[in-house]
């Protein structure tokens, strides 16, 4: 690395703007998004040019950024501490300015609250997005449907359970021609399953790990989601509902019928062991994982490598 040397009063000074941009980009690549947005782009024009290099902005990983909030009974159903909200807005504005529309993967923390404004602002500035991991906050449906219109290249989505899935699933089917991977963090019912069958029959990968799942819904997916290649139901709370008045019961072992129906899949990933810690946690949380109780980062795991963080 060479710098232009300036002799001044017997001393040699090197100018920051004369550093090689390619070397700067390699150095900046080792920084976290929080370090990259801390002000290095303001050092000089060369550093800003390096900080905007597309190589640095393929992924915007905010999975370490959590919100300090409490749920409330009235809209917007959550109160977010002002500092948390301002911090997220700051990171989004700086990151999306530096990225110049080059982000293809965007990861939010499962316990991060993202407002409609923040999500809309992000969608407008990430037109090339291919993979999205949403927070486990289930009141994002309306704004996500609008955002889907902008994400024509979206291929993979990790999302919470939502009240009215058909509208979102239909929007994905209409706008995202290469969509192939879906992970649901939360209970998965026949209503959601029917939406996938009706609008995304060519879905290739589906992960429902650590969720509550009814046996009838699982059979419905295996019978009707014809394009499915990979199904992950590891650590699910699988419930069988027999005819009334018999109560529902937890299924602890898959029967021959389900295994036969799943035989056409390339990978059918399961774990229902009483000795498995994750299976125990799903049962204790009644199929709605309270990730905040466990080790930080545990929510990022998935037996399907392309869905893990």
Protein backbone atom coordinates (compact mmCIF):
# COMPACT_ATOMS: atom_id res chain seq x y z
CA UNK A 1 0.00 0.00 0.00
CA UNK A 2 1.42 3.36 -1.03
CA UNK A 3 0.46 6.78 0.20
CA UNK A 4 1.29 10.10 -1.38
CA UNK A 5 3.91 11.61 0.87
CA UNK A 6 3.94 15.33 1.55
CA UNK A 7 6.97 16.95 3.08
CA UNK A 8 6.06 19.78 5.37
CA UNK A 9 8.56 21.35 7.77
CA UNK A 10 10.73 18.28 7.69
CA UNK A 11 7.93 15.80 8.44
CA UNK A 12 6.13 13.35 6.18
CA UNK A 13 2.33 13.32 6.21
CA UNK A 14 0.13 10.74 4.56
CA UNK A 15 -3.35 11.60 3.39
CA UNK A 16 -6.26 9.32 4.26
CA UNK A 17 -7.90 9.83 0.89
CA UNK A 18 -4.89 8.28 -0.85
CA UNK A 19 -5.43 4.82 0.64
CA UNK A 20 -6.22 2.11 -1.88
CA UNK A 21 -9.99 1.59 -2.10
CA UNK A 22 -9.80 -2.18 -2.61
CA UNK A 23 -7.77 -2.52 0.58
CA UNK A 24 -10.20 -0.30 2.45
CA UNK A 25 -13.11 -2.46 1.30
CA UNK A 26 -11.36 -5.58 2.61
CA UNK A 27 -10.75 -3.87 5.94
CA UNK A 28 -14.33 -2.61 6.18
CA UNK A 29 -15.64 -6.08 5.38
CA UNK A 30 -14.35 -7.26 8.78
CA UNK A 31 -16.48 -4.66 10.58
CA UNK A 32 -19.99 -5.18 11.94
CA UNK A 33 -22.86 -3.14 10.55
CA UNK A 34 -22.76 -1.08 13.74
CA UNK A 35 -19.08 -0.23 13.18
CA UNK A 36 -19.63 0.38 9.49
CA UNK A 37 -22.34 2.92 10.23
CA UNK A 38 -20.48 4.63 13.08
CA UNK A 39 -19.10 7.44 10.92
CA UNK A 40 -16.21 6.02 8.89
CA UNK A 41 -17.95 7.18 5.71
CA UNK A 42 -17.41 10.77 6.88
CA UNK A 43 -13.61 10.53 7.17
CA UNK A 44 -13.08 11.50 3.53
CA UNK A 45 -14.46 10.92 0.06
CA UNK A 46 -12.29 7.83 -0.50
CA UNK A 47 -13.48 6.20 2.69
CA UNK A 48 -17.10 6.96 1.80
CA UNK A 49 -16.63 5.43 -1.64
CA UNK A 50 -15.21 2.30 -0.02
CA UNK A 51 -18.00 2.23 2.59
CA UNK A 52 -20.57 2.19 -0.24
CA UNK A 53 -18.99 -0.70 -2.11
CA UNK A 54 -21.64 -3.32 -3.04
CA UNK A 55 -19.39 -6.07 -1.65
CA UNK A 56 -20.08 -4.76 1.87
CA UNK A 57 -23.83 -4.60 1.48
CA UNK A 58 -24.98 -7.97 0.20
CA UNK A 59 -26.38 -8.64 3.67
CA UNK A 60 -27.76 -6.24 6.26
CA UNK A 61 -27.68 -8.21 9.50
CA UNK A 62 -29.62 -6.54 12.31
CA UNK A 63 -30.16 -9.80 14.17
CA UNK A 64 -28.26 -8.46 17.19
CA UNK A 65 -30.49 -5.40 17.55
CA UNK A 66 -33.40 -5.90 19.96
CA UNK A 67 -36.18 -3.54 21.03
CA UNK A 68 -37.14 -2.55 24.53
CA UNK A 69 -40.93 -2.69 24.36
CA UNK A 70 -44.09 -3.79 26.14
CA UNK A 71 -47.34 -5.02 24.62
CA UNK A 72 -50.50 -2.98 25.18
CA UNK A 73 -54.19 -3.81 24.44
CA UNK A 74 -54.81 -0.92 22.00
CA UNK A 75 -53.28 0.03 18.66
CA UNK A 76 -50.43 -0.05 17.81
CA UNK A 77 -50.52 -2.87 20.44
CA UNK A 78 -46.98 -2.17 21.56
CA UNK A 79 -45.12 0.62 23.30
CA UNK A 80 -41.50 0.90 22.21
CA UNK A 81 -38.97 2.76 24.28
CA UNK A 82 -37.95 5.89 22.39
CA UNK A 83 -34.26 5.02 22.43
CA UNK A 84 -34.87 1.61 20.80
CA UNK A 85 -37.00 3.17 18.07
CA UNK A 86 -34.51 5.95 17.34
CA UNK A 87 -31.59 3.51 17.29
CA UNK A 88 -33.27 1.30 14.69
CA UNK A 89 -34.27 4.28 12.55
CA UNK A 90 -30.71 5.60 12.66
CA UNK A 91 -29.19 2.27 11.63
CA UNK A 92 -31.70 1.83 8.82
CA UNK A 93 -31.20 5.30 7.39
CA UNK A 94 -27.39 5.16 7.44
CA UNK A 95 -27.19 1.54 6.22
CA UNK A 96 -29.70 1.98 3.42
CA UNK A 97 -27.97 5.17 2.31
CA UNK A 98 -24.57 3.49 2.14
CA UNK A 99 -25.91 0.30 0.52
CA UNK A 100 -27.34 2.16 -2.48
CA UNK A 101 -29.95 -0.51 -3.15
CA UNK A 102 -27.53 -3.45 -3.21
CA UNK A 103 -28.84 -5.40 -0.20
CA UNK A 104 -30.04 -8.90 -1.12
CA UNK A 105 -30.42 -10.37 2.41
CA UNK A 106 -31.99 -8.59 5.37
CA UNK A 107 -32.17 -10.08 8.88
CA UNK A 108 -34.15 -8.60 11.79
CA UNK A 109 -33.97 -9.88 15.37
CA UNK A 110 -37.00 -11.96 16.38
CA UNK A 111 -37.64 -9.61 19.31
CA UNK A 112 -37.22 -6.40 17.34
CA UNK A 113 -40.24 -4.18 16.83
CA UNK A 114 -40.28 -2.65 13.34
CA UNK A 115 -42.85 0.06 12.69
CA UNK A 116 -44.80 0.41 9.47
CA UNK A 117 -42.76 3.48 8.60
CA UNK A 118 -39.45 1.68 9.16
CA UNK A 119 -40.51 -1.36 7.15
CA UNK A 120 -41.87 0.75 4.29
CA UNK A 121 -38.72 2.89 4.25
CA UNK A 122 -36.62 -0.27 4.09
CA UNK A 123 -38.69 -1.89 1.33
CA UNK A 124 -38.35 1.15 -0.90
CA UNK A 125 -34.56 1.06 -0.59
CA UNK A 126 -33.99 -2.70 -0.97
CA UNK A 127 -35.42 -3.46 -4.41
CA UNK A 128 -33.05 -6.41 -4.96
CA UNK A 129 -33.96 -8.29 -1.78
CA UNK A 130 -33.84 -12.08 -2.08
CA UNK A 131 -33.94 -13.22 1.53
CA UNK A 132 -35.86 -11.64 4.42
CA UNK A 133 -36.02 -12.61 8.10
CA UNK A 134 -38.83 -10.75 9.85
CA UNK A 135 -39.28 -10.26 13.60
CA UNK A 136 -41.69 -12.58 15.41
CA UNK A 137 -44.17 -9.71 15.61
CA UNK A 138 -47.44 -10.76 13.98
CA UNK A 139 -48.93 -7.34 13.17
CA UNK A 140 -46.86 -6.62 10.08
CA UNK A 141 -49.23 -8.14 7.54
CA UNK A 142 -50.57 -5.01 5.87
CA UNK A 143 -47.23 -3.28 5.32
CA UNK A 144 -45.52 -6.52 4.25
CA UNK A 145 -48.13 -7.06 1.53
CA UNK A 146 -47.32 -3.60 0.17
CA UNK A 147 -43.59 -4.29 0.42
CA UNK A 148 -43.93 -7.57 -1.48
CA UNK A 149 -44.94 -5.53 -4.53
CA UNK A 150 -41.40 -4.07 -4.51
CA UNK A 151 -39.54 -7.31 -3.85
CA UNK A 152 -39.83 -9.06 -7.19
CA UNK A 153 -36.66 -11.08 -6.55
CA UNK A 154 -37.66 -12.43 -3.12
CA UNK A 155 -36.82 -16.12 -2.78
CA UNK A 156 -36.80 -16.84 0.95
CA UNK A 157 -38.90 -15.54 3.84
CA UNK A 158 -38.84 -16.20 7.58
CA UNK A 159 -41.95 -14.79 9.19
CA UNK A 160 -44.28 -15.08 12.20
CA UNK A 161 -47.71 -16.65 12.16
CA UNK A 162 -50.31 -14.13 11.02
CA UNK A 163 -54.06 -13.91 11.41
CA UNK A 164 -54.95 -13.70 7.73
CA UNK A 165 -52.32 -15.51 5.61
CA UNK A 166 -54.10 -15.79 2.21
CA UNK A 167 -53.54 -12.14 1.26
CA UNK A 168 -49.82 -12.28 1.99
CA UNK A 169 -49.29 -15.67 0.35
CA UNK A 170 -51.21 -14.53 -2.73
CA UNK A 171 -49.07 -11.38 -2.92
CA UNK A 172 -45.91 -13.52 -2.83
CA UNK A 173 -47.26 -15.82 -5.55
CA UNK A 174 -48.20 -12.85 -7.74
CA UNK A 175 -45.02 -10.82 -7.39
CA UNK A 176 -42.16 -13.17 -6.48
CA UNK A 177 -41.68 -15.63 -9.31
CA UNK A 178 -38.56 -17.24 -7.82
CA UNK A 179 -39.94 -17.70 -4.31
CA UNK A 180 -39.02 -21.14 -2.94
CA UNK A 181 -38.33 -21.11 0.83
CA UNK A 182 -40.62 -20.31 3.77
CA UNK A 183 -40.10 -20.56 7.51
CA UNK A 184 -42.95 -19.94 9.95
CA UNK A 185 -42.10 -18.99 13.53
CA UNK A 186 -45.32 -19.74 15.38
CA UNK A 187 -48.40 -21.98 15.21
CA UNK A 188 -49.20 -23.33 11.76
CA UNK A 189 -52.85 -24.21 11.15
CA UNK A 190 -54.98 -25.56 8.31
CA UNK A 191 -55.86 -22.00 7.24
CA UNK A 192 -52.20 -21.19 6.59
CA UNK A 193 -51.63 -24.59 4.99
CA UNK A 194 -54.56 -24.07 2.62
CA UNK A 195 -53.15 -20.70 1.58
CA UNK A 196 -49.86 -22.33 0.62
CA UNK A 197 -51.57 -25.08 -1.34
CA UNK A 198 -53.81 -22.61 -3.18
CA UNK A 199 -51.22 -19.98 -4.06
CA UNK A 200 -47.73 -21.52 -3.64
CA UNK A 201 -48.06 -25.17 -4.71
CA UNK A 202 -44.50 -25.10 -6.09
CA UNK A 203 -42.95 -24.11 -2.74
CA UNK A 204 -39.81 -26.22 -2.33
CA UNK A 205 -38.72 -25.70 1.29
CA UNK A 206 -40.91 -25.30 4.38
CA UNK A 207 -39.67 -25.12 7.97
CA UNK A 208 -42.12 -25.25 10.87
CA UNK A 209 -39.61 -26.14 13.59
CA UNK A 210 -40.54 -25.42 17.21
CA UNK A 211 -44.16 -24.65 16.32
CA UNK A 212 -47.56 -26.09 17.19
CA UNK A 213 -48.79 -28.28 14.34
CA UNK A 214 -51.93 -30.37 14.05
CA UNK A 215 -51.59 -33.85 12.61
CA UNK A 216 -54.41 -33.21 10.12
CA UNK A 217 -52.58 -30.09 8.89
CA UNK A 218 -49.36 -32.05 8.43
CA UNK A 219 -51.18 -34.69 6.38
CA UNK A 220 -52.86 -31.97 4.32
CA UNK A 221 -49.47 -30.44 3.49
CA UNK A 222 -47.97 -33.80 2.55
CA UNK A 223 -50.95 -34.64 0.33
CA UNK A 224 -51.36 -31.32 -1.44
CA UNK A 225 -48.14 -29.30 -1.50
CA UNK A 226 -46.93 -31.15 -4.57
CA UNK A 227 -43.72 -29.23 -5.25
CA UNK A 228 -42.37 -29.58 -1.71
CA UNK A 229 -38.89 -31.09 -1.45
CA UNK A 230 -37.83 -30.26 2.11
CA UNK A 231 -40.08 -30.21 5.20
CA UNK A 232 -38.71 -29.51 8.67
CA UNK A 233 -40.98 -30.27 11.62
CA UNK A 234 -38.20 -30.74 14.16
CA UNK A 235 -39.24 -30.07 17.79
CA UNK A 236 -42.84 -29.35 16.76
CA UNK A 237 -45.68 -29.81 19.20
CA UNK A 238 -47.69 -32.21 17.06
CA UNK A 239 -51.32 -32.47 18.15
CA UNK A 240 -53.87 -35.09 17.12
CA UNK A 241 -57.55 -34.18 17.57
CA UNK A 242 -59.74 -37.29 17.66
CA UNK A 243 -63.53 -37.15 17.28
CA UNK A 244 -65.39 -35.54 20.21
CA UNK A 245 -65.62 -35.89 23.10
CA UNK A 246 -62.09 -37.26 23.26
CA UNK A 247 -59.49 -34.55 24.02
CA UNK A 248 -56.55 -33.72 21.80
CA UNK A 249 -53.29 -35.49 22.52
CA UNK A 250 -49.61 -34.90 21.82
CA UNK A 251 -48.19 -37.18 19.13
CA UNK A 252 -44.82 -38.49 20.26
CA UNK A 253 -44.08 -40.76 17.31
CA UNK A 254 -44.95 -40.46 13.62
CA UNK A 255 -47.11 -43.27 12.33
CA UNK A 256 -46.65 -45.29 9.16
CA UNK A 257 -49.23 -43.26 7.23
CA UNK A 258 -47.34 -39.99 7.68
CA UNK A 259 -43.99 -41.57 6.89
CA UNK A 260 -45.37 -43.05 3.67
CA UNK A 261 -46.88 -39.72 2.62
CA UNK A 262 -43.53 -38.01 3.32
CA UNK A 263 -41.53 -40.56 1.35
CA UNK A 264 -41.63 -38.43 -1.83
CA UNK A 265 -39.72 -35.62 -0.10
CA UNK A 266 -35.99 -35.29 -0.55
CA UNK A 267 -35.66 -34.44 3.16
CA UNK A 268 -38.23 -34.91 5.90
CA UNK A 269 -36.58 -33.56 9.05
CA UNK A 270 -38.10 -34.55 12.37
CA UNK A 271 -37.30 -34.70 16.07
CA UNK A 272 -39.90 -35.70 18.65
CA UNK A 273 -37.73 -37.11 21.39
CA UNK A 274 -38.70 -36.77 25.04
CA UNK A 275 -35.01 -36.35 25.84
CA UNK A 276 -34.48 -33.51 23.32
CA UNK A 277 -34.15 -30.15 25.11
CA UNK A 278 -35.68 -28.21 22.21
CA UNK A 279 -38.68 -30.57 22.06
CA UNK A 280 -39.16 -30.10 25.79
CA UNK A 281 -39.04 -26.33 25.41
CA UNK A 282 -41.64 -26.33 22.65
CA UNK A 283 -43.99 -28.39 24.81
CA UNK A 284 -43.39 -26.19 27.84
CA UNK A 285 -44.14 -23.09 25.74
CA UNK A 286 -47.24 -24.80 24.29
CA UNK A 287 -46.05 -24.46 20.69
CA UNK A 288 -45.43 -20.71 20.84
CA UNK A 289 -41.74 -20.33 21.61
CA UNK A 290 -40.77 -17.60 24.05
CA UNK A 291 -37.32 -17.14 22.62
CA UNK A 292 -36.42 -14.36 25.04
CA UNK A 293 -36.17 -16.98 27.82
CA UNK A 294 -33.36 -18.88 26.14
CA UNK A 295 -29.79 -18.35 25.02
CA UNK A 296 -29.37 -15.41 22.66
CA UNK A 297 -29.12 -16.65 19.08
CA UNK A 298 -31.01 -19.90 19.66
CA UNK A 299 -33.89 -18.61 17.52
CA UNK A 300 -31.48 -18.33 14.56
CA UNK A 301 -30.95 -22.07 14.30
CA UNK A 302 -32.56 -24.30 11.72
CA UNK A 303 -31.87 -27.84 10.58
CA UNK A 304 -32.28 -26.55 7.02
CA UNK A 305 -28.93 -24.81 6.49
CA UNK A 306 -30.24 -22.27 3.99
CA UNK A 307 -32.69 -20.97 6.63
CA UNK A 308 -30.25 -20.77 9.53
CA UNK A 309 -28.50 -17.50 10.36
